Amino acid sequence: MTQDEMKQEVAQEAIKYIVKDTIIGVGTGSTANFFIDALAPIKNQIKGAVASSVATADRLTSHGIKVYDLNEVDSISVYIDGADESDNDFNLIKGGGGALTREKIVAAVAQKFVCIADESKLVETLGNFDLPVEVIPMAANYVKNEIISRIGGSPKIRENFVTDNGNYILDVHGLQILKPKETERAIDAIVGTVTNGLFANRGADILLLGTNDGVKTLSLKRS
């Protein structure tokens, strides 16, 4: 089974977590795109969706799914999104597509976060995938130096890329993230940082993994 076929399977499985007659949150990236395509045939079962990026909003709209601004809604029943990495405690690295800030906001509002990925994304320790950090442009060099000093790793500005919020991304290579929650807070505390791609203090509630033997469902009760 190819990676795309695994993504398609988990995207279809995620449909089971849709709460009818509610507004849902939808993430960004290739796996989220498969989910949007799977959502289209049952779009009349939901009120609409909050998108985590302009690209996601465009794809939802192209399928005739109503897109809401987050400020227009009182609650989001479930957030469906992929991940670049997940550990066994459902701490995630996200932001390979550069939408981490809006993804983190929507995830924070959602009552449940269902992460969909292929099995290659599950790792023992986060950090093999470069950690994205969204920064205010004028602070990029300062934040880069502070990350090296406080956290370690090798931050590099993502070339020819600006987020939907008009900011830059630093991709931090060479990290071994043993304490994801602490690392997330430490990076966010650096002046000029908008947010970083660690989803640890608000990680996933359910992890759907595409495998050669079908979809594996993992759930974690968070305190």
N, C-alpha and C. Protein backbone atom coordinates (compact mmCIF):
# COMPACT_ATOMS: atom_id res chain seq x y z
N MET A 1 0.84 -1.19 0.00
CA MET A 1 0.00 0.00 0.00
C MET A 1 0.88 1.25 0.00
N THR A 2 0.58 2.19 -0.88
CA THR A 2 1.38 3.41 -0.96
C THR A 2 1.03 4.35 0.20
N GLN A 3 1.89 5.35 0.40
CA GLN A 3 1.64 6.33 1.45
C GLN A 3 0.34 7.09 1.19
N ASP A 4 0.08 7.45 -0.05
CA ASP A 4 -1.15 8.16 -0.38
C ASP A 4 -2.38 7.28 -0.11
N GLU A 5 -2.29 6.00 -0.39
CA GLU A 5 -3.40 5.09 -0.12
C GLU A 5 -3.67 4.99 1.38
N MET A 6 -2.61 4.99 2.19
CA MET A 6 -2.78 4.99 3.64
C MET A 6 -3.46 6.28 4.09
N LYS A 7 -3.04 7.40 3.51
CA LYS A 7 -3.64 8.69 3.86
C LYS A 7 -5.12 8.72 3.50
N GLN A 8 -5.45 8.16 2.36
CA GLN A 8 -6.85 8.11 1.94
C GLN A 8 -7.68 7.28 2.92
N GLU A 9 -7.12 6.19 3.39
CA GLU A 9 -7.85 5.31 4.31
C GLU A 9 -8.10 6.01 5.65
N VAL A 10 -7.07 6.69 6.18
CA VAL A 10 -7.28 7.36 7.48
C VAL A 10 -8.22 8.55 7.32
N ALA A 11 -8.16 9.21 6.17
CA ALA A 11 -9.07 10.32 5.92
C ALA A 11 -10.51 9.84 5.92
N GLN A 12 -10.75 8.70 5.30
CA GLN A 12 -12.10 8.14 5.27
C GLN A 12 -12.53 7.70 6.67
N GLU A 13 -11.61 7.14 7.43
CA GLU A 13 -11.91 6.71 8.81
C GLU A 13 -12.29 7.90 9.68
N ALA A 14 -11.67 9.03 9.43
CA ALA A 14 -11.92 10.23 10.24
C ALA A 14 -13.35 10.73 10.09
N ILE A 15 -14.01 10.37 9.00
CA ILE A 15 -15.39 10.78 8.80
C ILE A 15 -16.28 10.29 9.95
N LYS A 16 -15.90 9.17 10.56
CA LYS A 16 -16.69 8.61 11.66
C LYS A 16 -16.73 9.54 12.87
N TYR A 17 -15.78 10.47 12.95
CA TYR A 17 -15.70 11.35 14.11
C TYR A 17 -16.41 12.69 13.89
N ILE A 18 -17.02 12.83 12.73
CA ILE A 18 -17.77 14.04 12.44
C ILE A 18 -19.03 14.08 13.31
N VAL A 19 -19.27 15.21 13.93
CA VAL A 19 -20.49 15.41 14.73
C VAL A 19 -21.50 16.14 13.85
N LYS A 20 -22.62 15.51 13.61
CA LYS A 20 -23.63 16.07 12.71
C LYS A 20 -24.17 17.40 13.24
N ASP A 21 -24.50 18.26 12.31
CA ASP A 21 -25.13 19.55 12.59
C ASP A 21 -24.26 20.46 13.45
N THR A 22 -22.94 20.32 13.31
CA THR A 22 -22.01 21.19 14.02
C THR A 22 -21.02 21.78 13.02
N ILE A 23 -20.21 22.70 13.53
CA ILE A 23 -19.10 23.25 12.75
C ILE A 23 -17.84 22.51 13.17
N ILE A 24 -17.08 22.05 12.19
CA ILE A 24 -15.85 21.32 12.47
C ILE A 24 -14.64 22.15 12.07
N GLY A 25 -13.46 21.75 12.53
CA GLY A 25 -12.22 22.38 12.12
C GLY A 25 -11.46 21.46 11.17
N VAL A 26 -10.84 22.03 10.16
CA VAL A 26 -10.12 21.24 9.17
C VAL A 26 -8.71 21.79 9.01
N GLY A 27 -7.74 20.89 9.05
CA GLY A 27 -6.34 21.26 8.97
C GLY A 27 -5.83 21.48 7.56
N THR A 28 -4.51 21.47 7.45
CA THR A 28 -3.84 21.82 6.20
C THR A 28 -2.82 20.73 5.83
N GLY A 29 -2.70 20.46 4.55
CA GLY A 29 -1.70 19.50 4.09
C GLY A 29 -2.32 18.39 3.27
N SER A 30 -1.48 17.47 2.82
CA SER A 30 -1.94 16.43 1.89
C SER A 30 -2.96 15.50 2.53
N THR A 31 -2.75 15.12 3.79
CA THR A 31 -3.70 14.21 4.44
C THR A 31 -5.02 14.92 4.70
N ALA A 32 -4.94 16.18 5.13
CA ALA A 32 -6.15 16.97 5.32
C ALA A 32 -6.92 17.14 4.02
N ASN A 33 -6.20 17.26 2.91
CA ASN A 33 -6.86 17.38 1.61
C ASN A 33 -7.67 16.12 1.28
N PHE A 34 -7.11 14.95 1.60
CA PHE A 34 -7.85 13.71 1.40
C PHE A 34 -9.11 13.70 2.27
N PHE A 35 -8.99 14.24 3.47
CA PHE A 35 -10.15 14.31 4.35
C PHE A 35 -11.23 15.22 3.77
N ILE A 36 -10.82 16.36 3.24
CA ILE A 36 -11.79 17.28 2.64
C ILE A 36 -12.53 16.60 1.50
N ASP A 37 -11.79 15.85 0.69
CA ASP A 37 -12.41 15.14 -0.42
C ASP A 37 -13.40 14.09 0.08
N ALA A 38 -13.05 13.43 1.19
CA ALA A 38 -13.96 12.42 1.77
C ALA A 38 -15.17 13.08 2.42
N LEU A 39 -15.00 14.30 2.90
CA LEU A 39 -16.08 15.04 3.55
C LEU A 39 -17.13 15.53 2.56
N ALA A 40 -16.70 15.82 1.36
CA ALA A 40 -17.59 16.45 0.37
C ALA A 40 -18.91 15.71 0.17
N PRO A 41 -18.92 14.38 0.06
CA PRO A 41 -20.20 13.69 -0.19
C PRO A 41 -21.20 13.80 0.97
N ILE A 42 -20.72 14.10 2.19
CA ILE A 42 -21.63 14.20 3.34
C ILE A 42 -21.68 15.63 3.88
N LYS A 43 -21.34 16.59 3.05
CA LYS A 43 -21.23 17.97 3.51
C LYS A 43 -22.53 18.51 4.09
N ASN A 44 -23.66 17.97 3.67
CA ASN A 44 -24.94 18.46 4.18
C ASN A 44 -25.21 18.00 5.61
N GLN A 45 -24.37 17.12 6.14
CA GLN A 45 -24.54 16.65 7.51
C GLN A 45 -23.92 17.60 8.53
N ILE A 46 -23.11 18.56 8.07
CA ILE A 46 -22.49 19.52 8.98
C ILE A 46 -22.92 20.94 8.61
N LYS A 47 -22.77 21.85 9.55
CA LYS A 47 -23.11 23.25 9.26
C LYS A 47 -22.04 23.89 8.41
N GLY A 48 -20.80 23.45 8.59
CA GLY A 48 -19.69 24.03 7.85
C GLY A 48 -18.39 23.77 8.57
N ALA A 49 -17.35 24.51 8.20
CA ALA A 49 -16.03 24.26 8.74
C ALA A 49 -15.25 25.54 8.95
N VAL A 50 -14.35 25.50 9.91
CA VAL A 50 -13.33 26.54 10.09
C VAL A 50 -12.04 26.00 9.50
N ALA A 51 -11.42 26.76 8.62
CA ALA A 51 -10.21 26.32 7.93
C ALA A 51 -8.97 26.86 8.62
N SER A 52 -7.91 26.06 8.59
CA SER A 52 -6.66 26.47 9.23
C SER A 52 -5.70 27.18 8.27
N SER A 53 -6.12 27.37 7.04
CA SER A 53 -5.28 28.08 6.07
C SER A 53 -6.13 28.55 4.91
N VAL A 54 -5.58 29.45 4.13
CA VAL A 54 -6.26 29.92 2.93
C VAL A 54 -6.44 28.77 1.95
N ALA A 55 -5.41 27.92 1.82
CA ALA A 55 -5.48 26.79 0.89
C ALA A 55 -6.60 25.83 1.27
N THR A 56 -6.75 25.57 2.57
CA THR A 56 -7.82 24.68 3.03
C THR A 56 -9.19 25.32 2.79
N ALA A 57 -9.29 26.61 3.07
CA ALA A 57 -10.56 27.31 2.82
C ALA A 57 -10.95 27.22 1.35
N ASP A 58 -9.97 27.38 0.48
CA ASP A 58 -10.24 27.31 -0.96
C ASP A 58 -10.72 25.91 -1.35
N ARG A 59 -10.09 24.89 -0.79
CA ARG A 59 -10.47 23.51 -1.14
C ARG A 59 -11.87 23.18 -0.61
N LEU A 60 -12.15 23.61 0.62
CA LEU A 60 -13.48 23.40 1.17
C LEU A 60 -14.54 24.09 0.31
N THR A 61 -14.28 25.33 -0.05
CA THR A 61 -15.22 26.10 -0.86
C THR A 61 -15.44 25.45 -2.22
N SER A 62 -14.38 24.91 -2.79
CA SER A 62 -14.50 24.26 -4.11
C SER A 62 -15.42 23.05 -4.06
N HIS A 63 -15.55 22.46 -2.87
CA HIS A 63 -16.46 21.32 -2.69
C HIS A 63 -17.85 21.75 -2.22
N GLY A 64 -18.06 23.06 -2.12
CA GLY A 64 -19.36 23.55 -1.69
C GLY A 64 -19.59 23.47 -0.19
N ILE A 65 -18.51 23.40 0.58
CA ILE A 65 -18.61 23.34 2.04
C ILE A 65 -18.47 24.76 2.58
N LYS A 66 -19.43 25.18 3.39
CA LYS A 66 -19.42 26.54 3.93
C LYS A 66 -18.24 26.72 4.88
N VAL A 67 -17.50 27.80 4.70
CA VAL A 67 -16.34 28.11 5.53
C VAL A 67 -16.67 29.28 6.45
N TYR A 68 -16.44 29.10 7.73
CA TYR A 68 -16.68 30.13 8.73
C TYR A 68 -15.37 30.73 9.22
N ASP A 69 -15.39 32.02 9.49
CA ASP A 69 -14.31 32.65 10.24
C ASP A 69 -14.44 32.19 11.69
N LEU A 70 -13.33 31.93 12.35
CA LEU A 70 -13.39 31.43 13.72
C LEU A 70 -14.12 32.40 14.65
N ASN A 71 -14.03 33.69 14.37
CA ASN A 71 -14.70 34.68 15.21
C ASN A 71 -16.23 34.65 15.06
N GLU A 72 -16.71 33.90 14.07
CA GLU A 72 -18.16 33.79 13.85
C GLU A 72 -18.79 32.63 14.60
N VAL A 73 -17.97 31.75 15.19
CA VAL A 73 -18.51 30.53 15.79
C VAL A 73 -18.26 30.50 17.29
N ASP A 74 -19.13 29.80 17.98
CA ASP A 74 -19.01 29.66 19.43
C ASP A 74 -18.20 28.44 19.83
N SER A 75 -18.25 27.40 19.00
CA SER A 75 -17.54 26.17 19.34
C SER A 75 -17.25 25.37 18.08
N ILE A 76 -16.26 24.50 18.18
CA ILE A 76 -15.90 23.56 17.13
C ILE A 76 -15.94 22.17 17.75
N SER A 77 -16.73 21.28 17.16
CA SER A 77 -16.92 19.96 17.76
C SER A 77 -15.68 19.09 17.66
N VAL A 78 -15.03 19.11 16.51
CA VAL A 78 -13.87 18.26 16.29
C VAL A 78 -12.95 18.92 15.27
N TYR A 79 -11.65 18.73 15.47
CA TYR A 79 -10.65 19.24 14.54
C TYR A 79 -9.94 18.05 13.93
N ILE A 80 -9.90 17.99 12.61
CA ILE A 80 -9.25 16.90 11.88
C ILE A 80 -8.05 17.47 11.15
N ASP A 81 -6.87 16.89 11.41
CA ASP A 81 -5.66 17.39 10.77
C ASP A 81 -4.59 16.31 10.81
N GLY A 82 -3.60 16.48 9.97
CA GLY A 82 -2.47 15.55 9.93
C GLY A 82 -1.36 16.00 10.86
N ALA A 83 -0.21 15.34 10.75
CA ALA A 83 0.96 15.70 11.54
C ALA A 83 2.22 15.28 10.79
N ASP A 84 3.31 15.96 11.08
CA ASP A 84 4.60 15.59 10.51
C ASP A 84 5.28 14.53 11.36
N GLU A 85 5.03 14.57 12.68
CA GLU A 85 5.49 13.54 13.61
C GLU A 85 4.52 13.46 14.78
N SER A 86 4.43 12.26 15.37
CA SER A 86 3.72 12.08 16.63
C SER A 86 4.51 11.10 17.47
N ASP A 87 4.60 11.37 18.80
CA ASP A 87 5.18 10.37 19.68
C ASP A 87 4.05 9.54 20.29
N ASN A 88 4.40 8.63 21.17
CA ASN A 88 3.40 7.72 21.73
C ASN A 88 2.47 8.39 22.74
N ASP A 89 2.79 9.62 23.14
CA ASP A 89 1.91 10.38 24.02
C ASP A 89 1.08 11.40 23.23
N PHE A 90 1.11 11.28 21.91
CA PHE A 90 0.35 12.13 21.00
C PHE A 90 0.80 13.59 21.03
N ASN A 91 2.04 13.84 21.47
CA ASN A 91 2.66 15.13 21.23
C ASN A 91 3.04 15.15 19.75
N LEU A 92 2.80 16.27 19.09
CA LEU A 92 2.98 16.34 17.65
C LEU A 92 3.98 17.40 17.24
N ILE A 93 4.59 17.20 16.08
CA ILE A 93 5.23 18.28 15.33
C ILE A 93 4.37 18.51 14.09
N LYS A 94 3.96 19.76 13.91
CA LYS A 94 3.17 20.16 12.76
C LYS A 94 3.77 21.44 12.18
N GLY A 95 3.34 21.77 10.97
CA GLY A 95 3.79 23.01 10.37
C GLY A 95 4.69 22.86 9.17
N GLY A 96 4.81 21.63 8.67
CA GLY A 96 5.60 21.45 7.46
C GLY A 96 5.05 22.27 6.30
N GLY A 97 3.73 22.49 6.31
CA GLY A 97 3.12 23.30 5.27
C GLY A 97 3.04 24.78 5.62
N GLY A 98 3.50 25.12 6.83
CA GLY A 98 3.58 26.52 7.22
C GLY A 98 2.33 27.11 7.84
N ALA A 99 1.33 26.26 8.15
CA ALA A 99 0.06 26.77 8.69
C ALA A 99 -0.05 26.56 10.20
N LEU A 100 1.07 26.38 10.88
CA LEU A 100 1.05 25.97 12.29
C LEU A 100 0.29 26.90 13.21
N THR A 101 0.37 28.20 13.02
CA THR A 101 -0.30 29.12 13.95
C THR A 101 -1.81 28.98 13.88
N ARG A 102 -2.36 29.00 12.70
CA ARG A 102 -3.81 28.86 12.57
C ARG A 102 -4.25 27.45 12.96
N GLU A 103 -3.43 26.46 12.66
CA GLU A 103 -3.75 25.09 13.08
C GLU A 103 -3.81 25.01 14.60
N LYS A 104 -2.87 25.63 15.27
CA LYS A 104 -2.83 25.57 16.73
C LYS A 104 -4.02 26.30 17.34
N ILE A 105 -4.42 27.39 16.73
CA ILE A 105 -5.58 28.14 17.24
C ILE A 105 -6.85 27.30 17.11
N VAL A 106 -7.05 26.71 15.93
CA VAL A 106 -8.27 25.91 15.73
C VAL A 106 -8.26 24.69 16.65
N ALA A 107 -7.11 24.05 16.80
CA ALA A 107 -7.00 22.90 17.70
C ALA A 107 -7.34 23.28 19.13
N ALA A 108 -6.93 24.47 19.55
CA ALA A 108 -7.19 24.93 20.92
C ALA A 108 -8.68 25.11 21.17
N VAL A 109 -9.41 25.53 20.15
CA VAL A 109 -10.84 25.78 20.30
C VAL A 109 -11.66 24.49 20.26
N ALA A 110 -11.17 23.51 19.50
CA ALA A 110 -11.93 22.29 19.26
C ALA A 110 -12.09 21.45 20.53
N GLN A 111 -13.25 20.82 20.65
CA GLN A 111 -13.50 19.94 21.78
C GLN A 111 -12.71 18.64 21.67
N LYS A 112 -12.43 18.21 20.45
CA LYS A 112 -11.67 16.98 20.22
C LYS A 112 -10.75 17.18 19.03
N PHE A 113 -9.54 16.65 19.13
CA PHE A 113 -8.56 16.74 18.06
C PHE A 113 -8.25 15.33 17.58
N VAL A 114 -8.63 15.04 16.33
CA VAL A 114 -8.35 13.76 15.72
C VAL A 114 -7.23 13.95 14.71
N CYS A 115 -6.11 13.32 14.96
CA CYS A 115 -4.94 13.43 14.08
C CYS A 115 -4.91 12.24 13.13
N ILE A 116 -4.74 12.51 11.85
CA ILE A 116 -4.72 11.46 10.84
C ILE A 116 -3.36 11.45 10.15
N ALA A 117 -2.75 10.28 10.05
CA ALA A 117 -1.39 10.18 9.50
C ALA A 117 -1.12 8.75 9.05
N ASP A 118 -0.07 8.59 8.29
CA ASP A 118 0.38 7.23 7.99
C ASP A 118 1.36 6.79 9.07
N GLU A 119 1.59 5.49 9.18
CA GLU A 119 2.34 4.93 10.30
C GLU A 119 3.78 5.43 10.40
N SER A 120 4.33 5.95 9.31
CA SER A 120 5.71 6.45 9.35
C SER A 120 5.86 7.68 10.24
N LYS A 121 4.75 8.33 10.54
CA LYS A 121 4.80 9.56 11.35
C LYS A 121 4.93 9.27 12.85
N LEU A 122 4.70 8.04 13.28
CA LEU A 122 4.79 7.71 14.70
C LEU A 122 6.24 7.39 15.06
N VAL A 123 6.80 8.14 16.01
CA VAL A 123 8.21 8.01 16.38
C VAL A 123 8.35 7.89 17.89
N GLU A 124 9.48 7.42 18.33
CA GLU A 124 9.75 7.33 19.77
C GLU A 124 10.04 8.70 20.37
N THR A 125 10.83 9.50 19.64
CA THR A 125 11.23 10.82 20.12
C THR A 125 11.07 11.83 18.99
N LEU A 126 10.41 12.94 19.28
CA LEU A 126 10.21 13.98 18.28
C LEU A 126 11.52 14.69 17.95
N GLY A 127 11.63 15.16 16.71
CA GLY A 127 12.76 16.00 16.35
C GLY A 127 13.47 15.61 15.07
N ASN A 128 13.21 14.40 14.58
CA ASN A 128 13.83 14.05 13.31
C ASN A 128 13.29 14.94 12.19
N PHE A 129 12.00 15.28 12.27
CA PHE A 129 11.42 16.26 11.36
C PHE A 129 11.75 17.65 11.89
N ASP A 130 12.22 18.53 11.02
CA ASP A 130 12.58 19.89 11.44
C ASP A 130 11.39 20.57 12.12
N LEU A 131 11.64 21.23 13.25
CA LEU A 131 10.58 21.90 13.99
C LEU A 131 10.35 23.30 13.42
N PRO A 132 9.16 23.58 12.88
CA PRO A 132 8.88 24.92 12.36
C PRO A 132 8.57 25.90 13.49
N VAL A 133 9.05 27.12 13.35
CA VAL A 133 8.76 28.20 14.30
C VAL A 133 8.37 29.42 13.48
N GLU A 134 7.14 29.91 13.68
CA GLU A 134 6.70 31.12 12.97
C GLU A 134 7.17 32.34 13.74
N VAL A 135 7.80 33.27 13.03
CA VAL A 135 8.38 34.44 13.67
C VAL A 135 7.98 35.72 12.95
N ILE A 136 7.91 36.82 13.72
CA ILE A 136 7.75 38.14 13.13
C ILE A 136 9.00 38.43 12.30
N PRO A 137 8.86 38.90 11.05
CA PRO A 137 10.01 39.04 10.16
C PRO A 137 11.19 39.81 10.77
N MET A 138 10.93 40.93 11.44
CA MET A 138 12.04 41.72 11.96
C MET A 138 12.80 41.02 13.08
N ALA A 139 12.19 39.97 13.66
CA ALA A 139 12.81 39.28 14.78
C ALA A 139 13.47 37.97 14.37
N ALA A 140 13.50 37.66 13.10
CA ALA A 140 13.94 36.34 12.65
C ALA A 140 15.34 35.99 13.14
N ASN A 141 16.31 36.88 12.97
CA ASN A 141 17.68 36.58 13.39
C ASN A 141 17.80 36.49 14.91
N TYR A 142 17.08 37.37 15.61
CA TYR A 142 17.10 37.33 17.08
C TYR A 142 16.55 35.99 17.58
N VAL A 143 15.40 35.60 17.05
CA VAL A 143 14.79 34.34 17.49
C VAL A 143 15.68 33.16 17.15
N LYS A 144 16.29 33.20 15.98
CA LYS A 144 17.21 32.12 15.58
C LYS A 144 18.34 31.97 16.58
N ASN A 145 18.95 33.07 16.96
CA ASN A 145 20.07 33.01 17.92
C ASN A 145 19.61 32.57 19.30
N GLU A 146 18.41 33.00 19.70
CA GLU A 146 17.89 32.61 21.01
C GLU A 146 17.55 31.12 21.05
N ILE A 147 17.05 30.60 19.96
CA ILE A 147 16.77 29.15 19.90
C ILE A 147 18.05 28.36 20.05
N ILE A 148 19.09 28.77 19.35
CA ILE A 148 20.39 28.10 19.46
C ILE A 148 20.89 28.14 20.89
N SER A 149 20.74 29.28 21.52
CA SER A 149 21.24 29.46 22.89
C SER A 149 20.43 28.69 23.91
N ARG A 150 19.11 28.74 23.78
CA ARG A 150 18.24 28.15 24.81
C ARG A 150 17.86 26.70 24.57
N ILE A 151 17.68 26.34 23.29
CA ILE A 151 17.13 25.03 22.95
C ILE A 151 18.16 24.13 22.26
N GLY A 152 18.97 24.75 21.41
CA GLY A 152 19.90 23.99 20.59
C GLY A 152 19.37 23.84 19.18
N GLY A 153 19.97 22.95 18.43
CA GLY A 153 19.54 22.74 17.06
C GLY A 153 20.11 23.79 16.12
N SER A 154 19.71 23.67 14.85
CA SER A 154 20.20 24.57 13.80
C SER A 154 19.02 25.18 13.06
N PRO A 155 18.58 26.38 13.47
CA PRO A 155 17.44 27.04 12.80
C PRO A 155 17.87 27.66 11.47
N LYS A 156 16.99 27.56 10.51
CA LYS A 156 17.23 28.15 9.20
C LYS A 156 15.93 28.74 8.68
N ILE A 157 16.01 29.96 8.14
CA ILE A 157 14.81 30.58 7.58
C ILE A 157 14.36 29.81 6.34
N ARG A 158 13.08 29.48 6.28
CA ARG A 158 12.53 28.79 5.12
C ARG A 158 12.54 29.76 3.93
N GLU A 159 13.23 29.37 2.90
CA GLU A 159 13.43 30.27 1.76
C GLU A 159 12.15 30.45 0.94
N ASN A 160 11.96 31.68 0.49
CA ASN A 160 10.86 32.02 -0.43
C ASN A 160 9.50 31.59 0.11
N PHE A 161 9.32 31.80 1.42
CA PHE A 161 8.06 31.39 2.03
C PHE A 161 7.60 32.45 3.03
N VAL A 162 6.34 32.81 2.94
CA VAL A 162 5.69 33.70 3.90
C VAL A 162 4.38 33.05 4.30
N THR A 163 4.06 33.04 5.58
CA THR A 163 2.83 32.40 6.05
C THR A 163 1.61 33.22 5.67
N ASP A 164 0.43 32.63 5.86
CA ASP A 164 -0.81 33.36 5.62
C ASP A 164 -0.92 34.58 6.51
N ASN A 165 -0.15 34.61 7.59
CA ASN A 165 -0.16 35.74 8.52
C ASN A 165 0.90 36.79 8.19
N GLY A 166 1.65 36.56 7.11
CA GLY A 166 2.68 37.51 6.70
C GLY A 166 4.00 37.36 7.44
N ASN A 167 4.23 36.20 8.03
CA ASN A 167 5.44 35.99 8.83
C ASN A 167 6.39 35.00 8.17
N TYR A 168 7.58 34.86 8.78
CA TYR A 168 8.59 33.90 8.31
C TYR A 168 8.51 32.62 9.14
N ILE A 169 9.11 31.56 8.57
CA ILE A 169 9.25 30.29 9.29
C ILE A 169 10.72 29.98 9.47
N LEU A 170 11.10 29.66 10.70
CA LEU A 170 12.40 29.07 10.98
C LEU A 170 12.21 27.57 11.11
N ASP A 171 12.95 26.79 10.36
CA ASP A 171 12.93 25.33 10.50
C ASP A 171 14.15 24.92 11.30
N VAL A 172 13.90 24.27 12.44
CA VAL A 172 14.98 23.94 13.37
C VAL A 172 15.36 22.47 13.19
N HIS A 173 16.57 22.25 12.71
CA HIS A 173 17.08 20.91 12.45
C HIS A 173 17.95 20.45 13.63
N GLY A 174 17.99 19.15 13.82
CA GLY A 174 18.94 18.58 14.78
C GLY A 174 18.48 18.57 16.22
N LEU A 175 17.18 18.56 16.43
CA LEU A 175 16.67 18.52 17.80
C LEU A 175 16.31 17.09 18.19
N GLN A 176 16.45 16.81 19.47
CA GLN A 176 15.91 15.60 20.08
C GLN A 176 15.03 16.08 21.22
N ILE A 177 13.72 16.04 21.01
CA ILE A 177 12.80 16.71 21.92
C ILE A 177 12.29 15.72 22.95
N LEU A 178 12.94 15.70 24.09
CA LEU A 178 12.61 14.75 25.15
C LEU A 178 11.50 15.25 26.06
N LYS A 179 11.34 16.57 26.14
CA LYS A 179 10.30 17.17 26.97
C LYS A 179 9.50 18.15 26.10
N PRO A 180 8.56 17.62 25.31
CA PRO A 180 7.86 18.45 24.32
C PRO A 180 7.11 19.64 24.93
N LYS A 181 6.43 19.43 26.03
CA LYS A 181 5.64 20.52 26.62
C LYS A 181 6.55 21.65 27.08
N GLU A 182 7.65 21.31 27.74
CA GLU A 182 8.59 22.33 28.20
C GLU A 182 9.25 23.04 27.03
N THR A 183 9.61 22.29 26.01
CA THR A 183 10.25 22.89 24.83
C THR A 183 9.30 23.83 24.11
N GLU A 184 8.03 23.43 24.01
CA GLU A 184 7.03 24.28 23.37
C GLU A 184 6.92 25.62 24.10
N ARG A 185 6.83 25.56 25.42
CA ARG A 185 6.70 26.80 26.20
C ARG A 185 7.96 27.65 26.12
N ALA A 186 9.11 27.01 26.11
CA ALA A 186 10.37 27.75 26.08
C ALA A 186 10.53 28.53 24.77
N ILE A 187 10.17 27.91 23.66
CA ILE A 187 10.29 28.60 22.37
C ILE A 187 9.28 29.72 22.27
N ASP A 188 8.05 29.46 22.72
CA ASP A 188 7.02 30.50 22.65
C ASP A 188 7.37 31.71 23.52
N ALA A 189 8.22 31.51 24.52
CA ALA A 189 8.59 32.60 25.42
C ALA A 189 9.61 33.55 24.80
N ILE A 190 10.19 33.18 23.67
CA ILE A 190 11.17 34.05 23.01
C ILE A 190 10.44 35.18 22.30
N VAL A 191 10.79 36.40 22.61
CA VAL A 191 10.15 37.57 22.01
C VAL A 191 10.33 37.53 20.48
N GLY A 192 9.25 37.75 19.76
CA GLY A 192 9.29 37.70 18.31
C GLY A 192 8.75 36.41 17.73
N THR A 193 8.59 35.41 18.61
CA THR A 193 7.99 34.14 18.18
C THR A 193 6.48 34.28 18.17
N VAL A 194 5.85 33.85 17.09
CA VAL A 194 4.39 33.81 17.04
C VAL A 194 3.92 32.51 17.69
N THR A 195 4.40 31.41 17.21
CA THR A 195 4.20 30.11 17.86
C THR A 195 5.14 29.12 17.20
N ASN A 196 5.18 27.90 17.76
CA ASN A 196 6.04 26.88 17.17
C ASN A 196 5.22 25.63 16.88
N GLY A 197 5.81 24.72 16.11
CA GLY A 197 5.09 23.56 15.62
C GLY A 197 4.95 22.40 16.57
N LEU A 198 5.31 22.58 17.83
CA LEU A 198 5.05 21.55 18.83
C LEU A 198 3.61 21.67 19.32
N PHE A 199 2.85 20.62 19.12
CA PHE A 199 1.49 20.53 19.65
C PHE A 199 1.55 19.53 20.80
N ALA A 200 1.99 20.02 21.94
CA ALA A 200 2.19 19.16 23.11
C ALA A 200 1.25 19.54 24.24
N ASN A 201 1.19 20.83 24.55
CA ASN A 201 0.28 21.30 25.59
C ASN A 201 -1.18 21.16 25.14
N ARG A 202 -1.40 21.13 23.85
CA ARG A 202 -2.69 20.71 23.29
C ARG A 202 -2.37 19.75 22.15
N GLY A 203 -2.16 18.49 22.52
CA GLY A 203 -1.88 17.47 21.52
C GLY A 203 -3.15 16.82 21.02
N ALA A 204 -3.00 15.74 20.29
CA ALA A 204 -4.16 15.03 19.75
C ALA A 204 -4.84 14.20 20.84
N ASP A 205 -6.14 13.99 20.67
CA ASP A 205 -6.91 13.11 21.54
C ASP A 205 -6.99 11.70 20.95
N ILE A 206 -7.06 11.65 19.63
CA ILE A 206 -7.15 10.37 18.92
C ILE A 206 -6.16 10.42 17.76
N LEU A 207 -5.46 9.31 17.55
CA LEU A 207 -4.51 9.20 16.45
C LEU A 207 -4.94 8.05 15.55
N LEU A 208 -5.23 8.38 14.31
CA LEU A 208 -5.57 7.38 13.31
C LEU A 208 -4.37 7.18 12.40
N LEU A 209 -3.84 5.97 12.38
CA LEU A 209 -2.64 5.67 11.61
C LEU A 209 -2.95 4.73 10.46
N GLY A 210 -2.59 5.13 9.26
CA GLY A 210 -2.72 4.26 8.12
C GLY A 210 -1.57 3.27 8.07
N THR A 211 -1.89 1.99 7.97
CA THR A 211 -0.87 0.94 7.90
C THR A 211 -1.20 0.01 6.74
N ASN A 212 -0.28 -0.90 6.46
CA ASN A 212 -0.52 -1.88 5.41
C ASN A 212 -1.63 -2.85 5.80
N ASP A 213 -1.95 -2.89 7.09
CA ASP A 213 -3.00 -3.79 7.58
C ASP A 213 -4.29 -3.04 7.90
N GLY A 214 -4.41 -1.83 7.38
CA GLY A 214 -5.61 -1.03 7.65
C GLY A 214 -5.33 0.09 8.62
N VAL A 215 -6.39 0.74 9.06
CA VAL A 215 -6.25 1.89 9.94
C VAL A 215 -6.17 1.43 11.40
N LYS A 216 -5.17 1.92 12.09
CA LYS A 216 -4.98 1.63 13.52
C LYS A 216 -5.45 2.85 14.31
N THR A 217 -6.33 2.64 15.28
CA THR A 217 -6.88 3.71 16.08
C THR A 217 -6.26 3.70 17.47
N LEU A 218 -5.66 4.82 17.84
CA LEU A 218 -5.07 4.97 19.16
C LEU A 218 -5.75 6.14 19.85
N SER A 219 -6.09 5.98 21.11
CA SER A 219 -6.73 7.07 21.85
C SER A 219 -5.99 7.29 23.15
N LEU A 220 -5.99 8.54 23.58
CA LEU A 220 -5.26 8.93 24.78
C LEU A 220 -6.15 9.81 25.62
N LYS A 221 -6.31 9.44 26.89
CA LYS A 221 -7.10 10.26 27.80
C LYS A 221 -6.18 11.29 28.41
N ARG A 222 -6.49 12.56 28.14
CA ARG A 222 -5.67 13.65 28.63
C ARG A 222 -6.28 14.25 29.88
N SER A 223 -5.44 14.58 30.84
CA SER A 223 -5.91 15.20 32.09
C SER A 223 -6.09 16.68 31.90
